[in-house]
C-alpha atoms as a PDB file:
ATOM      1  CA  MET A   1     100.686  82.946  81.055  1.00  0.00           C
ATOM      2  CA  GLU A   2      99.228  84.366  78.840  1.00  0.00           C
ATOM      3  CA  ASN A   3     100.523  88.230  77.627  1.00  0.00           C
ATOM      4  CA  TYR A   4      97.972  91.226  76.756  1.00  0.00           C
ATOM      5  CA  VAL A   5      98.742  94.031  74.963  1.00  0.00           C
ATOM      6  CA  PHE A   6      97.120  97.103  75.881  1.00  0.00           C
ATOM      7  CA  ASP A   7      98.022 100.150  74.358  1.00  0.00           C
ATOM      8  CA  GLY A   8     100.504  99.177  73.445  1.00  0.00           C
ATOM      9  CA  GLU A   9     102.525  97.898  76.373  1.00  0.00           C
ATOM     10  CA  GLU A  10     102.981  94.566  76.958  1.00  0.00           C
ATOM     11  CA  LYS A  11     101.507  93.010  80.717  1.00  0.00           C
ATOM     12  CA  GLU A  12     101.788  89.647  81.383  1.00  0.00           C
ATOM     13  CA  ASN A  13      98.867  87.897  83.698  1.00  0.00           C
ATOM     14  CA  LYS A  14      99.436  86.948  86.888  1.00  0.00           C
ATOM     15  CA  GLU A  15      97.916  84.263  88.637  1.00  0.00           C
ATOM     16  CA  VAL A  16      95.595  85.915  92.326  1.00  0.00           C
ATOM     17  CA  THR A  17      96.204  83.599  94.463  1.00  0.00           C
ATOM     18  CA  GLY A  18      94.609  85.011  97.944  1.00  0.00           C
ATOM     19  CA  GLU A  19      98.352  84.982 100.272  1.00  0.00           C
ATOM     20  CA  GLU A  20     101.091  87.407  99.855  1.00  0.00           C
ATOM     21  CA  PRO A  21     104.345  85.790 101.329  1.00  0.00           C
ATOM     22  CA  ASP A  22     105.420  90.265 102.456  1.00  0.00           C
ATOM     23  CA  ALA A  23     101.962  90.531 103.702  1.00  0.00           C
ATOM     24  CA  SER A  24     102.167  92.929 107.197  1.00  0.00           C
ATOM     25  CA  GLY A  25     100.774  92.383 110.251  1.00  0.00           C
ATOM     26  CA  ASP A  26      98.407  95.562 109.296  1.00  0.00           C
ATOM     27  CA  ASP A  27      97.357  94.370 106.201  1.00  0.00           C
ATOM     28  CA  GLU A  28      96.944  90.892 108.444  1.00  0.00           C
ATOM     29  CA  SER A  29      94.876  93.315 111.007  1.00  0.00           C
ATOM     30  CA  PHE A  30      92.686  94.729 107.740  1.00  0.00           C
ATOM     31  CA  MET A  31      91.365  91.156 106.887  1.00  0.00           C
ATOM     32  CA  GLU A  32      90.758  89.495 110.178  1.00  0.00           C
ATOM     33  CA  GLY A  33      87.289  91.457 109.978  1.00  0.00           C
ATOM     34  CA  TYR A  34      86.336  89.839 106.832  1.00  0.00           C
ATOM     35  CA  LEU A  35      87.359  86.787 107.901  1.00  0.00           C
ATOM     36  CA  GLU A  36      85.731  85.964 111.320  1.00  0.00           C
ATOM     37  CA  ASP A  37      81.772  86.246 109.179  1.00  0.00           C
ATOM     38  CA  GLU A  38      81.218  89.660 110.828  1.00  0.00           C
ATOM     39  CA  GLU A  39      78.282  90.726 109.765  1.00  0.00           C
ATOM     40  CA  THR A  40      78.226  94.380 107.284  1.00  0.00           C
ATOM     41  CA  THR A  41      75.703  96.698 106.791  1.00  0.00           C
ATOM     42  CA  GLU A  42      75.067  98.000 102.879  1.00  0.00           C
ATOM     43  CA  CYS A  43      74.426 101.637 102.620  1.00  0.00           C
ATOM     44  CA  ALA A  44      70.634 101.512 100.654  1.00  0.00           C
ATOM     45  CA  GLU A  45      71.498 103.568  98.632  1.00  0.00           C
ATOM     46  CA  CYS A  46      74.659 102.880  96.840  1.00  0.00           C
ATOM     47  CA  GLY A  47      75.955  99.526  97.953  1.00  0.00           C
ATOM     48  CA  GLY A  48      78.738 100.981 100.005  1.00  0.00           C
ATOM     49  CA  ALA A  49      79.378  99.323 103.542  1.00  0.00           C
ATOM     50  CA  VAL A  50      77.731 100.868 106.892  1.00  0.00           C
ATOM     51  CA  SER A  51      80.733 102.386 109.334  1.00  0.00           C
ATOM     52  CA  PRO A  52      78.459 102.134 113.256  1.00  0.00           C
ATOM     53  CA  GLU A  53      80.055 105.243 114.096  1.00  0.00           C
ATOM     54  CA  LYS A  54      78.496 107.202 110.860  1.00  0.00           C
ATOM     55  CA  LYS A  55      75.834 105.420 110.578  1.00  0.00           C
ATOM     56  CA  VAL A  56      72.689 106.890 109.774  1.00  0.00           C
ATOM     57  CA  THR A  57      68.863 104.962 109.787  1.00  0.00           C
ATOM     58  CA  LYS A  58      65.787 106.039 108.342  1.00  0.00           C
ATOM     59  CA  GLU A  59      61.827 104.546 107.835  1.00  0.00           C
ATOM     60  CA  PHE A  60      60.192 104.124 104.330  1.00  0.00           C
ATOM     61  CA  GLU A  61      56.297 103.458 104.648  1.00  0.00           C
ATOM     62  CA  GLY A  62      56.972 100.919 107.385  1.00  0.00           C
ATOM     63  CA  GLU A  63      61.204  99.717 106.568  1.00  0.00           C
ATOM     64  CA  GLU A  64      63.680 100.303 108.115  1.00  0.00           C
ATOM     65  CA  TYR A  65      66.956 101.351 106.162  1.00  0.00           C
ATOM     66  CA  ALA A  66      70.137 102.421 106.407  1.00  0.00           C
ATOM     67  CA  PHE A  67      72.966 104.907 104.544  1.00  0.00           C
ATOM     68  CA  CYS A  68      76.052 105.401 105.127  1.00  0.00           C
ATOM     69  CA  SER A  69      75.959 109.111 104.901  1.00  0.00           C
ATOM     70  CA  ALA A  70      72.659 111.573 105.609  1.00  0.00           C
ATOM     71  CA  ASN A  71      73.053 112.318 101.722  1.00  0.00           C
ATOM     72  CA  CYS A  72      72.735 108.889 100.663  1.00  0.00           C
ATOM     73  CA  ALA A  73      69.886 108.718 102.880  1.00  0.00           C
ATOM     74  CA  GLU A  74      68.520 112.312 101.451  1.00  0.00           C
ATOM     75  CA  GLU A  75      69.596 110.295  97.932  1.00  0.00           C
ATOM     76  CA  PHE A  76      67.533 107.407  98.255  1.00  0.00           C
ATOM     77  CA  GLU A  77      64.119 109.677 100.492  1.00  0.00           C
ATOM     78  CA  GLU A  78      64.143 111.887  96.934  1.00  0.00           C
ATOM     79  CA  SER A  79      64.223 108.422  94.158  1.00  0.00           C
ATOM     80  CA  VAL A  80      61.421 107.009  97.167  1.00  0.00           C
ATOM     81  CA  ALA A  81      58.953 110.011  96.323  1.00  0.00           C
ATOM     82  CA  GLN A  82      58.922 110.109  92.488  1.00  0.00           C
END
């Protein structure tokens, strides 16, 4: 393995395998949604994930867009209006 120096501290580069031997049940259930190929909606403004509970939809020029918050919807509307 290679060693890297950052701000005077030596750190070891660790390989990530995707599996952690000590993953708790909470971690496993958190990842289930990603592993089950669930469709995730992306915010049209910030690119973040849109939760179904907080989803805001707006129509601009005949096309419907999904946003993660009302704030993102407003910012998107302002950027389109320019």
